[in-house]
Amino acid sequence: MNRVYFFLILILLNSCSTQKKIADKTEILPLWIKEFPISQTYYIGIGVADKKLNPTDFIKVAQKNALQNLISQIKVSISSQSFLLKMERDLDFKQDIKSVIEIKADDVIEGYELVNSFTNNNEYWVYYRLNKSLYKEIKIAKTKEAVNESKFFLQKAISNSTSHKNQYIYFVSALNILEPYLNEPLFTKINGEEVNLLSEIITQFRAYLDKYQIRSLKQENLFTIGENPFSLKFIVEHNNEKEPDIPLQINSSSLEINKFSEKTDFEGVLTANIMKFKNLNKLHKIEVIIDFQNWLEETSSSELIKDVFKNIKPKKIEVPIYLSTPKIFVNSTEKHHGELNNNNVLQFAVESELHNSGFSTVQNKHNADLIMTINSRTEKGRHINGQRMFVSFLNMSIGVKDLSSRSIFSKNIDQIKGIQLDFNKADKNAYQQGVKEIKNKLIPEFINSLTTN
């Protein structure tokens, strides 16, 4: 019995010792870890890192987390006088302005101090604080510095001695330097007049873009299917002066276009060819606009700043392209087992399919733009013994030339099989199969050859 009491006493003593150790462990945690400090004077940031997950850089991880925690205490509000409010209404931003400014607050966080740190077997803790008055002073000073630098870039951008590409770059730089402070009013004096700097940059940039003009060098872009090439020329001017090295973007939903170069030449001209008409509509449209994308990418890595300049679009022009189809004279020689037949079924099928596709045919070749020649003949095949089935084979060719005898299109199809109860019916069946080839293959290929440059 005594031995039982002895063991019970040992268990109780061990239990108390364990609880005491746990209590001791709890007691050694600093108060700033147990309860997040509240201060009217300081922004507080506390960060922790797991040593097992970050065995080599847990200190840096904890410091980064503490700084992010401190930044989150700083409330970003957009001033009612900020030009950002108007920009949000006028421009379609992909970026959320307020969240971008909060992220950029990291760029102006200075003057914070390490209050304490704590470590145990598993974790490392960091305690930072930043004096609110000091933060405000630093923010004012850095805003003023950024405004002065932005004004310098703006002056360079509007200077007549600056190249037009560099003017664009300076406009972007002037706004780029202000990004962390876009929630501020940003009023300053330029030439003795108080202005909103952000508004002034945008206004001057719009005026810069308005000086660009794009013109088509062709008064009327009228093309006939079959012509080669379909050439287009555009000239870019800035303040009525020819502008070399300007990248142009040419868009069309119904045309495939190949530019000879990405930029205008030394005379400010860019040449392009229409490679294909995707349909035979009489009216097509081309949109031509200056493409500043590369200049923008060279200057800024900020998605918000890039959004601003992408949404302030330069002038574009819409160029109508008028398409006409050539008049075609069709001449057909159709032989049936070596004999001519005036019932030219292939010619009728070709003319019908051409009409359905928007082309016109003429009865006199002197009125035509293109001459289409069809030659066809059938040959008797074999008689299938015991089945009373006869086979005929149709060989046909279609060639198209212009009035100068230049070949436009040529196609041969041989051994088109017709099977029927006698040779005459087999011949007719072979020609029926030939008609299908014309509708499904030959005429579509011919049209494609005309619409592709």
Protein backbone atom coordinates (compact mmCIF):
# COMPACT_ATOMS: atom_id res chain seq x y z
CA MET A 1 0.00 0.00 0.00
CA ASN A 2 2.81 2.40 0.89
CA ARG A 3 4.42 1.73 -2.47
CA VAL A 4 1.15 2.69 -4.24
CA TYR A 5 0.98 6.01 -2.35
CA PHE A 6 4.62 6.64 -3.22
CA PHE A 7 4.00 6.24 -6.96
CA LEU A 8 0.91 8.43 -6.83
CA ILE A 9 2.93 11.18 -5.16
CA LEU A 10 5.62 10.92 -7.89
CA ILE A 11 2.99 11.23 -10.65
CA LEU A 12 1.46 14.32 -9.04
CA LEU A 13 4.87 15.94 -8.60
CA ASN A 14 5.77 15.25 -12.25
CA SER A 15 2.43 16.69 -13.43
CA CYS A 16 2.96 19.87 -11.43
CA SER A 17 6.49 20.19 -12.78
CA THR A 18 5.24 19.88 -16.39
CA GLN A 19 2.53 22.49 -15.84
CA LYS A 20 5.10 24.79 -14.26
CA LYS A 21 7.37 24.44 -17.33
CA ILE A 22 4.46 25.27 -19.66
CA ALA A 23 3.59 28.24 -17.50
CA ASP A 24 7.19 29.36 -17.50
CA LYS A 25 7.29 29.09 -21.30
CA THR A 26 4.17 31.21 -21.57
CA GLU A 27 5.53 33.76 -19.16
CA ILE A 28 8.73 34.39 -21.12
CA LEU A 29 6.78 35.54 -24.24
CA PRO A 30 7.08 39.34 -24.49
CA LEU A 31 3.94 41.34 -23.93
CA TRP A 32 4.10 42.81 -27.50
CA ILE A 33 3.68 39.28 -28.86
CA LYS A 34 0.81 38.40 -26.54
CA GLU A 35 -1.06 41.63 -27.21
CA PHE A 36 -0.56 43.84 -30.29
CA PRO A 37 0.58 47.29 -29.05
CA ILE A 38 -1.76 50.26 -29.57
CA SER A 39 -0.20 53.71 -29.99
CA GLN A 40 -1.35 57.19 -30.96
CA THR A 41 2.25 58.18 -31.68
CA TYR A 42 3.60 55.27 -33.71
CA TYR A 43 2.66 52.97 -36.55
CA ILE A 44 3.40 49.44 -35.31
CA GLY A 45 4.61 46.47 -37.31
CA ILE A 46 5.17 42.96 -35.91
CA GLY A 47 6.38 40.07 -38.03
CA VAL A 48 7.19 36.43 -37.41
CA ALA A 49 9.03 33.73 -39.35
CA ASP A 50 9.04 29.95 -38.91
CA LYS A 51 12.64 28.76 -38.54
CA LYS A 52 11.90 25.33 -39.94
CA LEU A 53 10.28 26.75 -43.10
CA ASN A 54 12.99 29.42 -43.48
CA PRO A 55 16.14 27.86 -42.00
CA THR A 56 18.61 30.29 -43.63
CA ASP A 57 16.71 33.56 -43.97
CA PHE A 58 14.14 33.57 -41.17
CA ILE A 59 15.44 36.96 -39.93
CA LYS A 60 14.85 38.63 -43.31
CA VAL A 61 11.42 37.00 -43.61
CA ALA A 62 10.37 38.24 -40.17
CA GLN A 63 11.67 41.75 -40.95
CA LYS A 64 9.77 41.83 -44.22
CA ASN A 65 6.57 40.64 -42.55
CA ALA A 66 6.96 43.25 -39.81
CA LEU A 67 7.43 46.02 -42.37
CA GLN A 68 4.39 44.90 -44.35
CA ASN A 69 2.40 44.82 -41.13
CA LEU A 70 3.55 48.36 -40.34
CA ILE A 71 2.61 49.58 -43.84
CA SER A 72 -0.86 48.09 -43.45
CA GLN A 73 -1.43 50.43 -40.49
CA ILE A 74 -1.00 53.45 -42.78
CA LYS A 75 -4.39 54.24 -44.25
CA VAL A 76 -4.24 55.45 -47.85
CA SER A 77 -6.95 57.91 -48.75
CA ILE A 78 -7.33 59.67 -52.08
CA SER A 79 -7.71 63.42 -51.66
CA SER A 80 -10.92 64.92 -53.00
CA GLN A 81 -8.68 67.35 -54.88
CA SER A 82 -6.73 64.53 -56.51
CA PHE A 83 -6.90 64.43 -60.29
CA LEU A 84 -7.06 60.62 -59.91
CA LEU A 85 -10.79 60.81 -59.24
CA LYS A 86 -11.37 62.43 -62.64
CA MET A 87 -8.97 60.03 -64.34
CA GLU A 88 -10.85 57.04 -62.93
CA ARG A 89 -14.05 58.37 -64.45
CA ASP A 90 -12.54 59.29 -67.81
CA LEU A 91 -10.15 56.40 -68.40
CA ASP A 92 -10.75 52.67 -68.30
CA PHE A 93 -8.09 51.48 -65.85
CA LYS A 94 -7.20 47.80 -65.59
CA GLN A 95 -5.42 48.46 -62.29
CA ASP A 96 -7.11 49.35 -59.01
CA ILE A 97 -5.59 52.75 -58.22
CA LYS A 98 -5.96 52.60 -54.44
CA SER A 99 -4.34 49.17 -54.15
CA VAL A 100 -1.44 50.25 -56.39
CA ILE A 101 -0.80 53.30 -54.19
CA GLU A 102 -0.86 51.12 -51.07
CA ILE A 103 1.75 48.84 -52.59
CA LYS A 104 3.85 51.82 -53.61
CA ALA A 105 3.79 53.11 -50.01
CA ASP A 106 6.70 50.71 -49.51
CA ASP A 107 8.78 53.10 -51.63
CA VAL A 108 8.45 55.98 -49.14
CA ILE A 109 8.70 54.12 -45.83
CA GLU A 110 11.74 55.51 -44.06
CA GLY A 111 12.64 56.31 -40.46
CA TYR A 112 11.18 53.17 -38.88
CA GLU A 113 13.12 51.64 -35.99
CA LEU A 114 13.63 48.23 -34.46
CA VAL A 115 12.05 48.16 -31.01
CA ASN A 116 12.66 44.54 -30.11
CA SER A 117 13.09 41.01 -31.37
CA PHE A 118 12.42 37.60 -29.88
CA THR A 119 13.39 34.06 -30.73
CA ASN A 120 12.70 30.56 -29.49
CA ASN A 121 13.27 27.11 -30.91
CA ASN A 122 10.63 27.44 -33.62
CA GLU A 123 10.05 31.13 -34.36
CA TYR A 124 11.73 34.48 -34.80
CA TRP A 125 9.80 37.71 -34.08
CA VAL A 126 10.51 41.35 -35.01
CA TYR A 127 8.90 44.52 -33.62
CA TYR A 128 9.14 47.73 -35.72
CA ARG A 129 7.65 51.16 -35.13
CA LEU A 130 7.49 54.41 -37.13
CA ASN A 131 6.80 57.81 -35.63
CA LYS A 132 3.66 59.17 -37.30
CA SER A 133 4.90 62.77 -37.29
CA LEU A 134 8.25 61.71 -38.74
CA TYR A 135 6.49 59.68 -41.46
CA LYS A 136 4.42 62.71 -42.39
CA GLU A 137 7.51 64.93 -42.59
CA ILE A 138 9.34 62.38 -44.77
CA LYS A 139 6.30 61.95 -47.01
CA ILE A 140 6.00 65.72 -47.54
CA ALA A 141 9.72 66.00 -48.30
CA LYS A 142 9.73 63.07 -50.74
CA THR A 143 6.54 64.33 -52.44
CA LYS A 144 8.17 67.72 -52.95
CA GLU A 145 11.29 66.04 -54.34
CA ALA A 146 9.22 63.92 -56.74
CA VAL A 147 7.21 66.96 -57.87
CA ASN A 148 10.39 68.89 -58.69
CA GLU A 149 11.81 65.95 -60.63
CA SER A 150 8.50 65.49 -62.46
CA LYS A 151 8.47 69.18 -63.43
CA PHE A 152 11.98 68.78 -64.84
CA PHE A 153 10.81 65.88 -67.05
CA LEU A 154 7.72 67.84 -68.09
CA GLN A 155 9.79 70.85 -69.16
CA LYS A 156 11.97 68.54 -71.26
CA ALA A 157 8.82 66.94 -72.77
CA ILE A 158 7.36 70.23 -73.99
CA SER A 159 10.67 71.66 -75.23
CA ASN A 160 10.86 72.16 -78.99
CA SER A 161 14.51 71.09 -78.94
CA THR A 162 13.62 67.58 -77.72
CA SER A 163 13.12 64.82 -80.31
CA HIS A 164 9.55 63.62 -80.62
CA LYS A 165 10.35 60.13 -79.30
CA ASN A 166 12.17 61.62 -76.30
CA GLN A 167 9.23 63.95 -75.71
CA TYR A 168 7.02 60.87 -75.32
CA ILE A 169 9.55 59.27 -72.97
CA TYR A 170 9.78 62.42 -70.82
CA PHE A 171 5.98 62.61 -70.50
CA VAL A 172 5.90 59.02 -69.23
CA SER A 173 8.84 59.68 -66.89
CA ALA A 174 7.14 62.79 -65.48
CA LEU A 175 4.13 60.72 -64.43
CA ASN A 176 6.13 57.64 -63.47
CA ILE A 177 8.05 59.50 -60.73
CA LEU A 178 4.77 60.61 -59.16
CA GLU A 179 3.20 57.17 -58.86
CA PRO A 180 3.72 56.72 -55.07
CA TYR A 181 2.11 60.13 -54.48
CA LEU A 182 -0.85 60.03 -56.87
CA ASN A 183 -3.30 60.23 -53.95
CA GLU A 184 -1.94 63.68 -53.06
CA PRO A 185 -3.29 66.97 -54.52
CA LEU A 186 0.08 67.62 -56.27
CA PHE A 187 -0.42 71.36 -56.75
CA THR A 188 2.64 73.30 -57.86
CA LYS A 189 3.65 76.43 -59.73
CA ILE A 190 4.65 76.36 -63.41
CA ASN A 191 5.55 79.66 -65.06
CA GLY A 192 4.14 81.51 -62.06
CA GLU A 193 0.75 79.81 -62.26
CA GLU A 194 -0.49 77.24 -59.76
CA VAL A 195 -1.56 74.02 -61.47
CA ASN A 196 -2.36 70.42 -60.62
CA LEU A 197 0.81 68.72 -61.87
CA LEU A 198 -0.90 65.45 -62.78
CA SER A 199 -3.56 67.33 -64.75
CA GLU A 200 -0.89 69.44 -66.46
CA ILE A 201 1.08 66.36 -67.58
CA ILE A 202 -2.04 64.77 -69.08
CA THR A 203 -3.14 68.01 -70.78
CA GLN A 204 0.28 68.62 -72.33
CA PHE A 205 0.53 64.98 -73.42
CA ARG A 206 -2.82 65.20 -75.22
CA ALA A 207 -1.60 68.33 -77.01
CA TYR A 208 1.56 66.44 -78.03
CA LEU A 209 -0.51 63.56 -79.48
CA ASP A 210 -2.81 65.96 -81.36
CA LYS A 211 0.16 67.17 -83.42
CA TYR A 212 0.50 63.72 -85.04
CA GLN A 213 -1.37 63.18 -88.31
CA ILE A 214 -1.67 60.07 -90.49
CA ARG A 215 -2.71 60.29 -94.12
CA SER A 216 -3.23 57.78 -96.89
CA LEU A 217 -1.17 58.75 -99.93
CA LYS A 218 -3.79 57.25 -102.23
CA GLN A 219 -6.81 59.45 -102.78
CA GLU A 220 -8.98 56.43 -103.60
CA ASN A 221 -8.18 52.84 -102.72
CA LEU A 222 -10.07 50.97 -105.44
CA PHE A 223 -8.86 47.47 -106.26
CA THR A 224 -10.03 44.85 -108.70
CA ILE A 225 -9.70 41.20 -107.75
CA GLY A 226 -6.79 39.74 -109.69
CA GLU A 227 -4.65 42.89 -109.65
CA ASN A 228 -1.17 42.50 -108.23
CA PRO A 229 -0.10 43.93 -105.88
CA PHE A 230 -2.68 45.66 -103.69
CA SER A 231 -0.36 48.35 -102.35
CA LEU A 232 -1.07 50.95 -99.64
CA LYS A 233 1.03 53.92 -98.50
CA PHE A 234 0.63 56.00 -95.34
CA ILE A 235 2.52 59.10 -94.24
CA VAL A 236 2.95 60.32 -90.66
CA GLU A 237 3.50 63.99 -89.85
CA HIS A 238 4.07 65.85 -86.59
CA ASN A 239 3.19 69.52 -86.67
CA ASN A 240 3.07 69.25 -90.50
CA GLU A 241 6.62 67.84 -90.68
CA LYS A 242 7.33 64.36 -92.06
CA GLU A 243 8.04 62.00 -89.20
CA PRO A 244 10.48 59.08 -89.67
CA ASP A 245 10.80 56.01 -87.41
CA ILE A 246 7.19 56.07 -86.22
CA PRO A 247 5.70 52.62 -85.54
CA LEU A 248 2.28 52.11 -87.11
CA GLN A 249 -0.35 49.52 -86.35
CA ILE A 250 -2.64 48.53 -89.24
CA ASN A 251 -5.78 46.55 -88.44
CA SER A 252 -8.60 45.08 -90.49
CA SER A 253 -11.14 42.38 -89.76
CA SER A 254 -11.58 41.43 -93.43
CA LEU A 255 -8.07 41.87 -94.86
CA GLU A 256 -4.71 40.25 -94.28
CA ILE A 257 -2.05 42.96 -94.47
CA ASN A 258 1.72 42.71 -94.67
CA LYS A 259 3.78 45.76 -93.69
CA PHE A 260 7.12 46.26 -95.45
CA SER A 261 8.51 47.59 -92.16
CA GLU A 262 7.31 48.31 -88.63
CA LYS A 263 8.24 52.01 -88.80
CA THR A 264 7.95 54.87 -91.26
CA ASP A 265 10.96 55.50 -93.51
CA PHE A 266 13.07 58.69 -93.65
CA GLU A 267 10.27 60.41 -95.57
CA GLY A 268 7.68 59.45 -92.97
CA VAL A 269 6.08 56.81 -95.22
CA LEU A 270 5.09 53.24 -94.42
CA THR A 271 4.15 50.85 -97.24
CA ALA A 272 1.94 47.80 -96.84
CA ASN A 273 0.37 45.22 -99.16
CA ILE A 274 -3.03 43.62 -98.90
CA MET A 275 -2.19 39.93 -98.99
CA LYS A 276 -5.71 38.54 -98.88
CA PHE A 277 -9.35 39.58 -99.00
CA LYS A 278 -11.21 37.33 -96.55
CA ASN A 279 -14.48 37.96 -98.34
CA LEU A 280 -15.69 39.59 -101.57
CA ASN A 281 -17.65 42.43 -100.00
CA LYS A 282 -17.40 45.63 -101.99
CA LEU A 283 -16.36 47.75 -99.00
CA HIS A 284 -13.55 46.94 -96.55
CA LYS A 285 -11.99 49.10 -93.85
CA ILE A 286 -8.45 49.54 -92.54
CA GLU A 287 -7.65 51.23 -89.23
CA VAL A 288 -4.24 52.90 -88.93
CA ILE A 289 -2.91 54.17 -85.60
CA ILE A 290 0.49 55.04 -84.14
CA ASP A 291 1.76 52.22 -81.92
CA PHE A 292 3.60 53.68 -78.92
CA GLN A 293 3.76 50.32 -77.09
CA ASN A 294 7.52 49.82 -77.40
CA TRP A 295 8.31 53.39 -76.31
CA LEU A 296 6.04 52.90 -73.30
CA GLU A 297 7.61 49.57 -72.34
CA GLU A 298 11.08 51.12 -72.58
CA THR A 299 10.16 53.86 -70.11
CA SER A 300 7.92 52.36 -67.43
CA SER A 301 7.42 49.00 -65.73
CA SER A 302 4.34 50.21 -63.83
CA GLU A 303 1.07 48.69 -65.06
CA LEU A 304 -0.87 51.68 -63.73
CA ILE A 305 1.26 54.24 -65.56
CA LYS A 306 1.11 52.14 -68.74
CA ASP A 307 -2.67 51.97 -68.40
CA VAL A 308 -2.86 55.78 -68.23
CA PHE A 309 -0.91 56.29 -71.46
CA LYS A 310 -2.57 53.41 -73.31
CA ASN A 311 -5.97 54.93 -72.61
CA ILE A 312 -4.98 58.34 -73.93
CA LYS A 313 -5.15 57.27 -77.54
CA PRO A 314 -3.57 59.09 -80.48
CA LYS A 315 -5.58 59.97 -83.57
CA LYS A 316 -6.37 57.11 -85.90
CA ILE A 317 -7.67 57.03 -89.43
CA GLU A 318 -10.11 54.66 -91.08
CA VAL A 319 -9.32 54.02 -94.72
CA PRO A 320 -12.07 52.58 -96.96
CA ILE A 321 -10.95 49.91 -99.41
CA TYR A 322 -13.28 49.42 -102.38
CA LEU A 323 -13.19 46.04 -104.09
CA SER A 324 -14.56 45.21 -107.51
CA THR A 325 -14.68 41.81 -109.18
CA PRO A 326 -13.39 41.30 -112.74
CA LYS A 327 -15.68 40.58 -115.68
CA ILE A 328 -15.00 37.06 -116.96
CA PHE A 329 -15.49 35.57 -120.41
CA VAL A 330 -15.92 31.78 -120.25
CA ASN A 331 -15.02 29.64 -123.27
CA SER A 332 -15.66 25.93 -123.03
CA THR A 333 -14.82 22.97 -125.28
CA GLU A 334 -16.55 19.83 -123.98
CA LYS A 335 -16.14 16.49 -125.76
CA HIS A 336 -18.15 13.33 -125.12
CA HIS A 337 -16.28 10.20 -126.16
CA GLY A 338 -14.44 12.25 -128.81
CA GLU A 339 -17.45 14.20 -130.08
CA LEU A 340 -18.32 17.87 -129.44
CA ASN A 341 -21.62 18.65 -127.79
CA ASN A 342 -23.20 22.10 -127.65
CA ASN A 343 -24.78 21.26 -124.29
CA ASN A 344 -21.86 22.73 -122.30
CA VAL A 345 -22.80 21.63 -118.79
CA LEU A 346 -19.43 22.56 -117.32
CA GLN A 347 -19.60 26.10 -118.72
CA PHE A 348 -23.08 26.54 -117.29
CA ALA A 349 -21.91 25.25 -113.89
CA VAL A 350 -18.89 27.59 -113.89
CA GLU A 351 -20.94 30.66 -114.83
CA SER A 352 -23.59 29.86 -112.22
CA GLU A 353 -21.01 29.42 -109.48
CA LEU A 354 -19.23 32.63 -110.48
CA HIS A 355 -22.51 34.58 -110.33
CA ASN A 356 -23.28 33.09 -106.92
CA SER A 357 -19.86 34.29 -105.69
CA GLY A 358 -20.37 37.89 -106.84
CA PHE A 359 -18.63 37.77 -110.23
CA SER A 360 -20.12 38.79 -113.55
CA THR A 361 -19.65 37.02 -116.89
CA VAL A 362 -19.76 38.55 -120.36
CA GLN A 363 -20.56 37.11 -123.77
CA ASN A 364 -17.84 39.03 -125.62
CA LYS A 365 -14.23 38.52 -124.62
CA HIS A 366 -13.38 42.09 -125.65
CA ASN A 367 -15.52 43.29 -122.74
CA ALA A 368 -13.81 40.98 -120.27
CA ASP A 369 -11.02 41.48 -117.73
CA LEU A 370 -10.21 37.77 -117.56
CA ILE A 371 -10.54 34.90 -120.04
CA MET A 372 -11.45 31.49 -118.62
CA THR A 373 -10.92 28.45 -120.85
CA ILE A 374 -12.43 25.03 -120.09
CA ASN A 375 -11.33 21.90 -121.92
CA SER A 376 -12.90 18.55 -121.15
CA ARG A 377 -13.25 15.09 -122.69
CA THR A 378 -14.53 11.71 -121.66
CA GLU A 379 -13.05 8.32 -122.51
CA LYS A 380 -14.72 4.98 -122.43
CA GLY A 381 -13.56 2.76 -119.64
CA ARG A 382 -14.33 -0.87 -119.22
CA HIS A 383 -17.58 -2.76 -119.17
CA ILE A 384 -18.09 -4.57 -115.86
CA ASN A 385 -18.91 -8.09 -117.00
CA GLY A 386 -21.94 -9.75 -115.51
CA GLN A 387 -23.25 -6.50 -113.99
CA ARG A 388 -24.28 -4.54 -117.11
CA MET A 389 -22.27 -1.55 -115.69
CA PHE A 390 -20.23 0.75 -117.96
CA VAL A 391 -17.48 3.20 -116.93
CA SER A 392 -16.48 6.55 -118.47
CA PHE A 393 -13.62 8.81 -117.33
CA LEU A 394 -13.72 12.61 -117.53
CA ASN A 395 -10.53 14.67 -117.85
CA MET A 396 -10.93 18.42 -117.55
CA SER A 397 -8.77 21.53 -117.24
CA ILE A 398 -9.53 25.14 -116.40
CA GLY A 399 -7.14 27.98 -117.21
CA VAL A 400 -7.59 31.71 -116.56
CA LYS A 401 -5.54 34.49 -118.16
CA ASP A 402 -5.70 38.27 -118.13
CA LEU A 403 -5.81 40.40 -121.28
CA SER A 404 -2.01 40.35 -121.53
CA SER A 405 -2.11 36.51 -121.56
CA ARG A 406 -0.58 36.31 -118.08
CA SER A 407 -1.68 33.10 -116.37
CA ILE A 408 -3.88 33.77 -113.34
CA PHE A 409 -5.06 30.27 -112.51
CA SER A 410 -4.65 26.75 -113.88
CA LYS A 411 -6.03 23.42 -112.71
CA ASN A 412 -6.35 19.90 -114.14
CA ILE A 413 -8.54 17.11 -112.78
CA ASP A 414 -8.31 13.72 -114.45
CA GLN A 415 -10.01 10.35 -114.23
CA ILE A 416 -13.36 11.51 -112.84
CA LYS A 417 -15.33 8.28 -112.94
CA GLY A 418 -18.90 7.89 -114.17
CA ILE A 419 -20.72 4.55 -113.86
CA GLN A 420 -24.06 3.71 -115.48
CA LEU A 421 -26.00 1.11 -117.47
CA ASP A 422 -24.43 2.16 -120.80
CA PHE A 423 -21.54 4.32 -122.00
CA ASN A 424 -23.68 7.34 -122.87
CA LYS A 425 -25.23 7.39 -119.41
CA ALA A 426 -21.80 6.80 -117.85
CA ASP A 427 -20.52 9.81 -119.85
CA LYS A 428 -23.37 11.93 -118.49
CA ASN A 429 -22.67 10.70 -114.96
CA ALA A 430 -18.98 11.59 -115.30
CA TYR A 431 -19.91 15.15 -116.32
CA GLN A 432 -22.27 15.36 -113.34
CA GLN A 433 -19.34 14.43 -111.12
CA GLY A 434 -17.32 17.11 -112.91
CA VAL A 435 -19.96 19.72 -112.04
CA LYS A 436 -19.56 18.81 -108.36
CA GLU A 437 -15.80 19.25 -108.66
CA ILE A 438 -16.34 22.71 -110.15
CA LYS A 439 -18.67 23.83 -107.36
CA ASN A 440 -16.81 22.30 -104.45
CA LYS A 441 -13.20 22.64 -105.54
CA LEU A 442 -12.26 24.47 -108.75
CA ILE A 443 -14.19 27.74 -108.38
CA PRO A 444 -13.35 28.14 -104.63
CA GLU A 445 -9.66 27.58 -105.47
CA PHE A 446 -9.86 30.08 -108.31
CA ILE A 447 -11.46 32.74 -106.09
CA ASN A 448 -8.89 32.09 -103.36
CA SER A 449 -6.09 32.60 -105.90
CA LEU A 450 -7.56 36.00 -106.76
CA THR A 451 -8.13 37.17 -103.18
CA THR A 452 -4.64 36.12 -102.04
CA ASN A 453 -1.86 38.44 -103.12
